[in-house]
Amino acid sequence: MERKNAVHIKSIIHDILKKESLDHKMLENRVVRSWEKVIGKTVARATTNIYMYRGTLYLSINSSVMRNELLMLKDKIMHALNEEVGHKVVTAVVIR
């Protein structure tokens, strides 16, 4: 028996997320989860707090030396995270 109106579940979930405006939150969550993969284990261990709010990535770094290095690389970090996620999600990076 052939179904004429068959739709992939991936497209159904995508439509629901978009309709409920949850797709952007999901992408922000993917950015936070991919932090260690993009930046490396050493810097990830020095990161005490990481979260996103309205396109801005907020980081708390417990090492002043690493914080200064990351401040100089903010644009590269933003680009690498957006590339990892596949969308332009991160628009700014704040390092404390």
PDB file of N, CA and C in Angstrom:
ATOM      1  N   MET A   1       0.836  -1.172   0.000  1.00  0.00           N
ATOM      2  CA  MET A   1       0.000   0.000   0.000  1.00  0.00           C
ATOM      3  C   MET A   1       0.891   1.247   0.000  1.00  0.00           C
ATOM      4  N   GLU A   2       0.691   2.110  -0.925  1.00  0.00           N
ATOM      5  CA  GLU A   2       1.512   3.292  -1.087  1.00  0.00           C
ATOM      6  C   GLU A   2       0.844   4.504  -0.446  1.00  0.00           C
ATOM      7  N   ARG A   3       1.642   5.259   0.302  1.00  0.00           N
ATOM      8  CA  ARG A   3       1.114   6.470   0.938  1.00  0.00           C
ATOM      9  C   ARG A   3       1.460   7.677   0.076  1.00  0.00           C
ATOM     10  N   LYS A   4       0.484   8.484  -0.172  1.00  0.00           N
ATOM     11  CA  LYS A   4       0.694   9.635  -1.047  1.00  0.00           C
ATOM     12  C   LYS A   4       1.118  10.876  -0.281  1.00  0.00           C
ATOM     13  N   ASN A   5       0.753  10.961   0.980  1.00  0.00           N
ATOM     14  CA  ASN A   5       1.053  12.162   1.756  1.00  0.00           C
ATOM     15  C   ASN A   5       2.148  11.924   2.786  1.00  0.00           C
ATOM     16  N   ALA A   6       3.063  11.043   2.510  1.00  0.00           N
ATOM     17  CA  ALA A   6       4.141  10.731   3.453  1.00  0.00           C
ATOM     18  C   ALA A   6       5.126  11.895   3.527  1.00  0.00           C
ATOM     19  N   VAL A   7       5.496  12.248   4.755  1.00  0.00           N
ATOM     20  CA  VAL A   7       6.429  13.340   4.998  1.00  0.00           C
ATOM     21  C   VAL A   7       7.471  12.837   5.995  1.00  0.00           C
ATOM     22  N   HIS A   8       8.724  13.234   5.772  1.00  0.00           N
ATOM     23  CA  HIS A   8       9.789  12.840   6.688  1.00  0.00           C
ATOM     24  C   HIS A   8       9.586  13.503   8.044  1.00  0.00           C
ATOM     25  N   ILE A   9       9.885  12.772   9.087  1.00  0.00           N
ATOM     26  CA  ILE A   9       9.707  13.288  10.445  1.00  0.00           C
ATOM     27  C   ILE A   9      10.616  14.484  10.714  1.00  0.00           C
ATOM     28  N   LYS A  10      11.788  14.508  10.080  1.00  0.00           N
ATOM     29  CA  LYS A  10      12.723  15.625  10.249  1.00  0.00           C
ATOM     30  C   LYS A  10      12.074  16.937   9.824  1.00  0.00           C
ATOM     31  N   SER A  11      11.372  16.924   8.703  1.00  0.00           N
ATOM     32  CA  SER A  11      10.728  18.152   8.229  1.00  0.00           C
ATOM     33  C   SER A  11       9.552  18.547   9.117  1.00  0.00           C
ATOM     34  N   ILE A  12       8.863  17.575   9.688  1.00  0.00           N
ATOM     35  CA  ILE A  12       7.755  17.874  10.600  1.00  0.00           C
ATOM     36  C   ILE A  12       8.285  18.546  11.868  1.00  0.00           C
ATOM     37  N   ILE A  13       9.347  17.997  12.435  1.00  0.00           N
ATOM     38  CA  ILE A  13       9.939  18.568  13.645  1.00  0.00           C
ATOM     39  C   ILE A  13      10.471  19.968  13.362  1.00  0.00           C
ATOM     40  N   HIS A  14      11.132  20.132  12.223  1.00  0.00           N
ATOM     41  CA  HIS A  14      11.659  21.440  11.842  1.00  0.00           C
ATOM     42  C   HIS A  14      10.532  22.461  11.729  1.00  0.00           C
ATOM     43  N   ASP A  15       9.423  22.088  11.111  1.00  0.00           N
ATOM     44  CA  ASP A  15       8.284  22.997  10.970  1.00  0.00           C
ATOM     45  C   ASP A  15       7.693  23.376  12.319  1.00  0.00           C
ATOM     46  N   ILE A  16       7.588  22.418  13.228  1.00  0.00           N
ATOM     47  CA  ILE A  16       7.039  22.695  14.558  1.00  0.00           C
ATOM     48  C   ILE A  16       7.952  23.649  15.321  1.00  0.00           C
ATOM     49  N   LEU A  17       9.263  23.385  15.275  1.00  0.00           N
ATOM     50  CA  LEU A  17      10.210  24.256  15.968  1.00  0.00           C
ATOM     51  C   LEU A  17      10.167  25.675  15.409  1.00  0.00           C
ATOM     52  N   LYS A  18      10.069  25.797  14.107  1.00  0.00           N
ATOM     53  CA  LYS A  18      10.020  27.110  13.484  1.00  0.00           C
ATOM     54  C   LYS A  18       8.719  27.827  13.846  1.00  0.00           C
ATOM     55  N   LYS A  19       7.637  27.089  13.838  1.00  0.00           N
ATOM     56  CA  LYS A  19       6.326  27.668  14.159  1.00  0.00           C
ATOM     57  C   LYS A  19       6.290  28.178  15.594  1.00  0.00           C
ATOM     58  N   GLU A  20       6.904  27.460  16.506  1.00  0.00           N
ATOM     59  CA  GLU A  20       6.912  27.837  17.924  1.00  0.00           C
ATOM     60  C   GLU A  20       8.096  28.742  18.283  1.00  0.00           C
ATOM     61  N   SER A  21       8.880  29.159  17.295  1.00  0.00           N
ATOM     62  CA  SER A  21      10.055  30.018  17.487  1.00  0.00           C
ATOM     63  C   SER A  21      11.085  29.392  18.425  1.00  0.00           C
ATOM     64  N   LEU A  22      11.263  28.100  18.344  1.00  0.00           N
ATOM     65  CA  LEU A  22      12.237  27.395  19.175  1.00  0.00           C
ATOM     66  C   LEU A  22      13.509  27.043  18.411  1.00  0.00           C
ATOM     67  N   ASP A  23      13.494  27.221  17.103  1.00  0.00           N
ATOM     68  CA  ASP A  23      14.656  26.827  16.310  1.00  0.00           C
ATOM     69  C   ASP A  23      15.890  27.655  16.659  1.00  0.00           C
ATOM     70  N   HIS A  24      15.719  28.933  16.945  1.00  0.00           N
ATOM     71  CA  HIS A  24      16.868  29.773  17.296  1.00  0.00           C
ATOM     72  C   HIS A  24      17.445  29.363  18.657  1.00  0.00           C
ATOM     73  N   LYS A  25      16.590  29.039  19.600  1.00  0.00           N
ATOM     74  CA  LYS A  25      17.053  28.586  20.916  1.00  0.00           C
ATOM     75  C   LYS A  25      17.828  27.283  20.782  1.00  0.00           C
ATOM     76  N   MET A  26      17.369  26.415  19.897  1.00  0.00           N
ATOM     77  CA  MET A  26      18.075  25.151  19.679  1.00  0.00           C
ATOM     78  C   MET A  26      19.467  25.391  19.107  1.00  0.00           C
ATOM     79  N   LEU A  27      19.569  26.335  18.179  1.00  0.00           N
ATOM     80  CA  LEU A  27      20.873  26.665  17.602  1.00  0.00           C
ATOM     81  C   LEU A  27      21.795  27.271  18.656  1.00  0.00           C
ATOM     82  N   GLU A  28      21.252  28.119  19.523  1.00  0.00           N
ATOM     83  CA  GLU A  28      22.065  28.684  20.603  1.00  0.00           C
ATOM     84  C   GLU A  28      22.564  27.580  21.540  1.00  0.00           C
ATOM     85  N   ASN A  29      21.718  26.617  21.806  1.00  0.00           N
ATOM     86  CA  ASN A  29      22.114  25.481  22.647  1.00  0.00           C
ATOM     87  C   ASN A  29      23.229  24.678  21.977  1.00  0.00           C
ATOM     88  N   ARG A  30      23.150  24.505  20.666  1.00  0.00           N
ATOM     89  CA  ARG A  30      24.199  23.788  19.935  1.00  0.00           C
ATOM     90  C   ARG A  30      25.528  24.533  20.010  1.00  0.00           C
ATOM     91  N   VAL A  31      25.484  25.867  19.995  1.00  0.00           N
ATOM     92  CA  VAL A  31      26.706  26.669  20.110  1.00  0.00           C
ATOM     93  C   VAL A  31      27.369  26.402  21.457  1.00  0.00           C
ATOM     94  N   VAL A  32      26.586  26.436  22.517  1.00  0.00           N
ATOM     95  CA  VAL A  32      27.126  26.222  23.865  1.00  0.00           C
ATOM     96  C   VAL A  32      27.703  24.813  23.987  1.00  0.00           C
ATOM     97  N   ARG A  33      26.980  23.815  23.441  1.00  0.00           N
ATOM     98  CA  ARG A  33      27.463  22.436  23.531  1.00  0.00           C
ATOM     99  C   ARG A  33      28.707  22.193  22.688  1.00  0.00           C
ATOM    100  N   SER A  34      28.918  22.974  21.639  1.00  0.00           N
ATOM    101  CA  SER A  34      30.074  22.756  20.772  1.00  0.00           C
ATOM    102  C   SER A  34      31.290  23.582  21.201  1.00  0.00           C
ATOM    103  N   TRP A  35      31.207  24.296  22.310  1.00  0.00           N
ATOM    104  CA  TRP A  35      32.298  25.144  22.781  1.00  0.00           C
ATOM    105  C   TRP A  35      33.608  24.374  22.913  1.00  0.00           C
ATOM    106  N   GLU A  36      33.583  23.236  23.603  1.00  0.00           N
ATOM    107  CA  GLU A  36      34.815  22.471  23.824  1.00  0.00           C
ATOM    108  C   GLU A  36      35.389  21.950  22.513  1.00  0.00           C
ATOM    109  N   LYS A  37      34.538  21.509  21.623  1.00  0.00           N
ATOM    110  CA  LYS A  37      34.998  20.972  20.340  1.00  0.00           C
ATOM    111  C   LYS A  37      35.696  22.056  19.506  1.00  0.00           C
ATOM    112  N   VAL A  38      35.154  23.250  19.520  1.00  0.00           N
ATOM    113  CA  VAL A  38      35.692  24.338  18.697  1.00  0.00           C
ATOM    114  C   VAL A  38      36.944  24.947  19.323  1.00  0.00           C
ATOM    115  N   ILE A  39      36.923  25.173  20.622  1.00  0.00           N
ATOM    116  CA  ILE A  39      37.988  25.936  21.271  1.00  0.00           C
ATOM    117  C   ILE A  39      39.099  25.060  21.839  1.00  0.00           C
ATOM    118  N   GLY A  40      38.796  23.819  22.160  1.00  0.00           N
ATOM    119  CA  GLY A  40      39.798  22.909  22.715  1.00  0.00           C
ATOM    120  C   GLY A  40      39.582  22.649  24.195  1.00  0.00           C
ATOM    121  N   LYS A  41      40.129  21.538  24.667  1.00  0.00           N
ATOM    122  CA  LYS A  41      39.910  21.114  26.052  1.00  0.00           C
ATOM    123  C   LYS A  41      40.554  22.030  27.079  1.00  0.00           C
ATOM    124  N   THR A  42      41.724  22.558  26.776  1.00  0.00           N
ATOM    125  CA  THR A  42      42.435  23.399  27.744  1.00  0.00           C
ATOM    126  C   THR A  42      41.640  24.666  28.051  1.00  0.00           C
ATOM    127  N   VAL A  43      41.186  25.344  27.030  1.00  0.00           N
ATOM    128  CA  VAL A  43      40.407  26.565  27.241  1.00  0.00           C
ATOM    129  C   VAL A  43      39.038  26.229  27.824  1.00  0.00           C
ATOM    130  N   ALA A  44      38.461  25.127  27.394  1.00  0.00           N
ATOM    131  CA  ALA A  44      37.149  24.724  27.916  1.00  0.00           C
ATOM    132  C   ALA A  44      37.217  24.459  29.419  1.00  0.00           C
ATOM    133  N   ARG A  45      38.335  23.905  29.892  1.00  0.00           N
ATOM    134  CA  ARG A  45      38.500  23.676  31.336  1.00  0.00           C
ATOM    135  C   ARG A  45      38.595  24.986  32.105  1.00  0.00           C
ATOM    136  N   ALA A  46      39.117  26.020  31.476  1.00  0.00           N
ATOM    137  CA  ALA A  46      39.241  27.326  32.128  1.00  0.00           C
ATOM    138  C   ALA A  46      37.940  28.133  32.061  1.00  0.00           C
ATOM    139  N   THR A  47      36.982  27.644  31.282  1.00  0.00           N
ATOM    140  CA  THR A  47      35.694  28.329  31.154  1.00  0.00           C
ATOM    141  C   THR A  47      34.785  27.881  32.285  1.00  0.00           C
ATOM    142  N   THR A  48      34.386  28.833  33.125  1.00  0.00           N
ATOM    143  CA  THR A  48      33.546  28.472  34.272  1.00  0.00           C
ATOM    144  C   THR A  48      32.063  28.649  33.985  1.00  0.00           C
ATOM    145  N   ASN A  49      31.717  29.549  33.086  1.00  0.00           N
ATOM    146  CA  ASN A  49      30.316  29.786  32.775  1.00  0.00           C
ATOM    147  C   ASN A  49      30.207  30.159  31.305  1.00  0.00           C
ATOM    148  N   ILE A  50      29.279  29.535  30.598  1.00  0.00           N
ATOM    149  CA  ILE A  50      29.063  29.843  29.195  1.00  0.00           C
ATOM    150  C   ILE A  50      27.569  29.775  28.917  1.00  0.00           C
ATOM    151  N   TYR A  51      27.047  30.843  28.324  1.00  0.00           N
ATOM    152  CA  TYR A  51      25.637  30.845  27.940  1.00  0.00           C
ATOM    153  C   TYR A  51      25.423  31.867  26.832  1.00  0.00           C
ATOM    154  N   MET A  52      24.277  31.749  26.174  1.00  0.00           N
ATOM    155  CA  MET A  52      23.920  32.671  25.105  1.00  0.00           C
ATOM    156  C   MET A  52      22.632  33.382  25.453  1.00  0.00           C
ATOM    157  N   TYR A  53      22.565  34.656  25.089  1.00  0.00           N
ATOM    158  CA  TYR A  53      21.358  35.434  25.279  1.00  0.00           C
ATOM    159  C   TYR A  53      21.236  36.411  24.116  1.00  0.00           C
ATOM    160  N   ARG A  54      20.197  36.249  23.330  1.00  0.00           N
ATOM    161  CA  ARG A  54      19.902  37.120  22.188  1.00  0.00           C
ATOM    162  C   ARG A  54      21.075  37.269  21.233  1.00  0.00           C
ATOM    163  N   GLY A  55      21.710  36.161  20.901  1.00  0.00           N
ATOM    164  CA  GLY A  55      22.785  36.160  19.924  1.00  0.00           C
ATOM    165  C   GLY A  55      24.162  36.507  20.454  1.00  0.00           C
ATOM    166  N   THR A  56      24.242  36.829  21.736  1.00  0.00           N
ATOM    167  CA  THR A  56      25.540  37.157  22.335  1.00  0.00           C
ATOM    168  C   THR A  56      26.003  35.987  23.187  1.00  0.00           C
ATOM    169  N   LEU A  57      27.225  35.568  22.972  1.00  0.00           N
ATOM    170  CA  LEU A  57      27.827  34.484  23.745  1.00  0.00           C
ATOM    171  C   LEU A  57      28.573  35.099  24.923  1.00  0.00           C
ATOM    172  N   TYR A  58      28.202  34.689  26.130  1.00  0.00           N
ATOM    173  CA  TYR A  58      28.838  35.183  27.350  1.00  0.00           C
ATOM    174  C   TYR A  58      29.728  34.087  27.919  1.00  0.00           C
ATOM    175  N   LEU A  59      30.974  34.448  28.210  1.00  0.00           N
ATOM    176  CA  LEU A  59      31.951  33.495  28.729  1.00  0.00           C
ATOM    177  C   LEU A  59      32.576  34.039  30.006  1.00  0.00           C
ATOM    178  N   SER A  60      32.763  33.167  30.974  1.00  0.00           N
ATOM    179  CA  SER A  60      33.537  33.507  32.170  1.00  0.00           C
ATOM    180  C   SER A  60      34.776  32.628  32.167  1.00  0.00           C
ATOM    181  N   ILE A  61      35.932  33.267  32.148  1.00  0.00           N
ATOM    182  CA  ILE A  61      37.205  32.556  32.089  1.00  0.00           C
ATOM    183  C   ILE A  61      37.954  32.814  33.395  1.00  0.00           C
ATOM    184  N   ASN A  62      38.441  31.747  34.035  1.00  0.00           N
ATOM    185  CA  ASN A  62      39.102  31.914  35.331  1.00  0.00           C
ATOM    186  C   ASN A  62      40.603  32.206  35.229  1.00  0.00           C
ATOM    187  N   SER A  63      41.141  32.260  34.039  1.00  0.00           N
ATOM    188  CA  SER A  63      42.560  32.559  33.846  1.00  0.00           C
ATOM    189  C   SER A  63      42.690  33.898  33.115  1.00  0.00           C
ATOM    190  N   SER A  64      43.387  34.841  33.741  1.00  0.00           N
ATOM    191  CA  SER A  64      43.533  36.167  33.126  1.00  0.00           C
ATOM    192  C   SER A  64      44.335  36.109  31.821  1.00  0.00           C
ATOM    193  N   VAL A  65      45.312  35.230  31.765  1.00  0.00           N
ATOM    194  CA  VAL A  65      46.124  35.094  30.551  1.00  0.00           C
ATOM    195  C   VAL A  65      45.256  34.569  29.403  1.00  0.00           C
ATOM    196  N   MET A  66      44.477  33.543  29.682  1.00  0.00           N
ATOM    197  CA  MET A  66      43.604  32.988  28.656  1.00  0.00           C
ATOM    198  C   MET A  66      42.526  33.990  28.250  1.00  0.00           C
ATOM    199  N   ARG A  67      42.025  34.741  29.217  1.00  0.00           N
ATOM    200  CA  ARG A  67      40.995  35.743  28.940  1.00  0.00           C
ATOM    201  C   ARG A  67      41.532  36.775  27.953  1.00  0.00           C
ATOM    202  N   ASN A  68      42.755  37.234  28.156  1.00  0.00           N
ATOM    203  CA  ASN A  68      43.354  38.215  27.247  1.00  0.00           C
ATOM    204  C   ASN A  68      43.565  37.637  25.854  1.00  0.00           C
ATOM    205  N   GLU A  69      43.992  36.389  25.786  1.00  0.00           N
ATOM    206  CA  GLU A  69      44.170  35.732  24.484  1.00  0.00           C
ATOM    207  C   GLU A  69      42.837  35.626  23.751  1.00  0.00           C
ATOM    208  N   LEU A  70      41.793  35.227  24.470  1.00  0.00           N
ATOM    209  CA  LEU A  70      40.473  35.077  23.850  1.00  0.00           C
ATOM    210  C   LEU A  70      39.894  36.420  23.425  1.00  0.00           C
ATOM    211  N   LEU A  71      40.174  37.463  24.177  1.00  0.00           N
ATOM    212  CA  LEU A  71      39.699  38.794  23.792  1.00  0.00           C
ATOM    213  C   LEU A  71      40.248  39.207  22.429  1.00  0.00           C
ATOM    214  N   MET A  72      41.494  38.830  22.150  1.00  0.00           N
ATOM    215  CA  MET A  72      42.095  39.161  20.859  1.00  0.00           C
ATOM    216  C   MET A  72      41.549  38.289  19.730  1.00  0.00           C
ATOM    217  N   LEU A  73      40.977  37.134  20.076  1.00  0.00           N
ATOM    218  CA  LEU A  73      40.496  36.193  19.066  1.00  0.00           C
ATOM    219  C   LEU A  73      38.967  36.132  18.988  1.00  0.00           C
ATOM    220  N   LYS A  74      38.283  37.156  19.482  1.00  0.00           N
ATOM    221  CA  LYS A  74      36.814  37.109  19.529  1.00  0.00           C
ATOM    222  C   LYS A  74      36.184  36.881  18.155  1.00  0.00           C
ATOM    223  N   ASP A  75      36.663  37.559  17.134  1.00  0.00           N
ATOM    224  CA  ASP A  75      36.088  37.413  15.793  1.00  0.00           C
ATOM    225  C   ASP A  75      36.284  35.999  15.250  1.00  0.00           C
ATOM    226  N   LYS A  76      37.466  35.437  15.463  1.00  0.00           N
ATOM    227  CA  LYS A  76      37.732  34.075  15.001  1.00  0.00           C
ATOM    228  C   LYS A  76      36.873  33.059  15.750  1.00  0.00           C
ATOM    229  N   ILE A  77      36.689  33.276  17.040  1.00  0.00           N
ATOM    230  CA  ILE A  77      35.845  32.387  17.840  1.00  0.00           C
ATOM    231  C   ILE A  77      34.415  32.433  17.336  1.00  0.00           C
ATOM    232  N   MET A  78      33.918  33.635  17.097  1.00  0.00           N
ATOM    233  CA  MET A  78      32.556  33.814  16.604  1.00  0.00           C
ATOM    234  C   MET A  78      32.370  33.105  15.259  1.00  0.00           C
ATOM    235  N   HIS A  79      33.338  33.292  14.381  1.00  0.00           N
ATOM    236  CA  HIS A  79      33.265  32.660  13.055  1.00  0.00           C
ATOM    237  C   HIS A  79      33.309  31.131  13.165  1.00  0.00           C
ATOM    238  N   ALA A  80      34.193  30.612  13.997  1.00  0.00           N
ATOM    239  CA  ALA A  80      34.333  29.161  14.138  1.00  0.00           C
ATOM    240  C   ALA A  80      33.063  28.536  14.731  1.00  0.00           C
ATOM    241  N   LEU A  81      32.467  29.180  15.715  1.00  0.00           N
ATOM    242  CA  LEU A  81      31.243  28.646  16.311  1.00  0.00           C
ATOM    243  C   LEU A  81      30.080  28.686  15.321  1.00  0.00           C
ATOM    244  N   ASN A  82      29.958  29.779  14.582  1.00  0.00           N
ATOM    245  CA  ASN A  82      28.892  29.865  13.580  1.00  0.00           C
ATOM    246  C   ASN A  82      29.079  28.821  12.488  1.00  0.00           C
ATOM    247  N   GLU A  83      30.317  28.591  12.113  1.00  0.00           N
ATOM    248  CA  GLU A  83      30.597  27.577  11.094  1.00  0.00           C
ATOM    249  C   GLU A  83      30.265  26.176  11.612  1.00  0.00           C
ATOM    250  N   GLU A  84      30.567  25.908  12.868  1.00  0.00           N
ATOM    251  CA  GLU A  84      30.278  24.603  13.469  1.00  0.00           C
ATOM    252  C   GLU A  84      28.778  24.330  13.490  1.00  0.00           C
ATOM    253  N   VAL A  85      27.996  25.346  13.800  1.00  0.00           N
ATOM    254  CA  VAL A  85      26.543  25.194  13.889  1.00  0.00           C
ATOM    255  C   VAL A  85      25.902  25.230  12.495  1.00  0.00           C
ATOM    256  N   GLY A  86      26.517  25.957  11.576  1.00  0.00           N
ATOM    257  CA  GLY A  86      25.979  26.020  10.224  1.00  0.00           C
ATOM    258  C   GLY A  86      25.045  27.197   9.993  1.00  0.00           C
ATOM    259  N   HIS A  87      24.916  28.072  10.970  1.00  0.00           N
ATOM    260  CA  HIS A  87      24.081  29.272  10.863  1.00  0.00           C
ATOM    261  C   HIS A  87      24.775  30.424  11.571  1.00  0.00           C
ATOM    262  N   LYS A  88      24.389  31.639  11.222  1.00  0.00           N
ATOM    263  CA  LYS A  88      24.938  32.797  11.930  1.00  0.00           C
ATOM    264  C   LYS A  88      24.113  33.030  13.180  1.00  0.00           C
ATOM    265  N   VAL A  89      24.553  32.405  14.264  1.00  0.00           N
ATOM    266  CA  VAL A  89      23.841  32.470  15.539  1.00  0.00           C
ATOM    267  C   VAL A  89      24.540  33.454  16.466  1.00  0.00           C
ATOM    268  N   VAL A  90      25.861  33.378  16.547  1.00  0.00           N
ATOM    269  CA  VAL A  90      26.636  34.230  17.444  1.00  0.00           C
ATOM    270  C   VAL A  90      26.924  35.558  16.732  1.00  0.00           C
ATOM    271  N   THR A  91      26.435  36.647  17.314  1.00  0.00           N
ATOM    272  CA  THR A  91      26.679  37.966  16.728  1.00  0.00           C
ATOM    273  C   THR A  91      27.689  38.773  17.533  1.00  0.00           C
ATOM    274  N   ALA A  92      27.907  38.376  18.791  1.00  0.00           N
ATOM    275  CA  ALA A  92      28.883  39.055  19.652  1.00  0.00           C
ATOM    276  C   ALA A  92      29.376  38.087  20.710  1.00  0.00           C
ATOM    277  N   VAL A  93      30.569  38.369  21.229  1.00  0.00           N
ATOM    278  CA  VAL A  93      31.161  37.557  22.290  1.00  0.00           C
ATOM    279  C   VAL A  93      31.579  38.487  23.428  1.00  0.00           C
ATOM    280  N   VAL A  94      31.127  38.162  24.641  1.00  0.00           N
ATOM    281  CA  VAL A  94      31.509  38.932  25.825  1.00  0.00           C
ATOM    282  C   VAL A  94      32.294  38.004  26.737  1.00  0.00           C
ATOM    283  N   ILE A  95      33.525  38.401  27.055  1.00  0.00           N
ATOM    284  CA  ILE A  95      34.402  37.568  27.886  1.00  0.00           C
ATOM    285  C   ILE A  95      34.658  38.298  29.195  1.00  0.00           C
ATOM    286  N   ARG A  96      34.367  37.605  30.293  1.00  0.00           N
ATOM    287  CA  ARG A  96      34.551  38.197  31.618  1.00  0.00           C
ATOM    288  C   ARG A  96      35.607  37.453  32.378  1.00  0.00           C
TER     289      ARG A  96
END
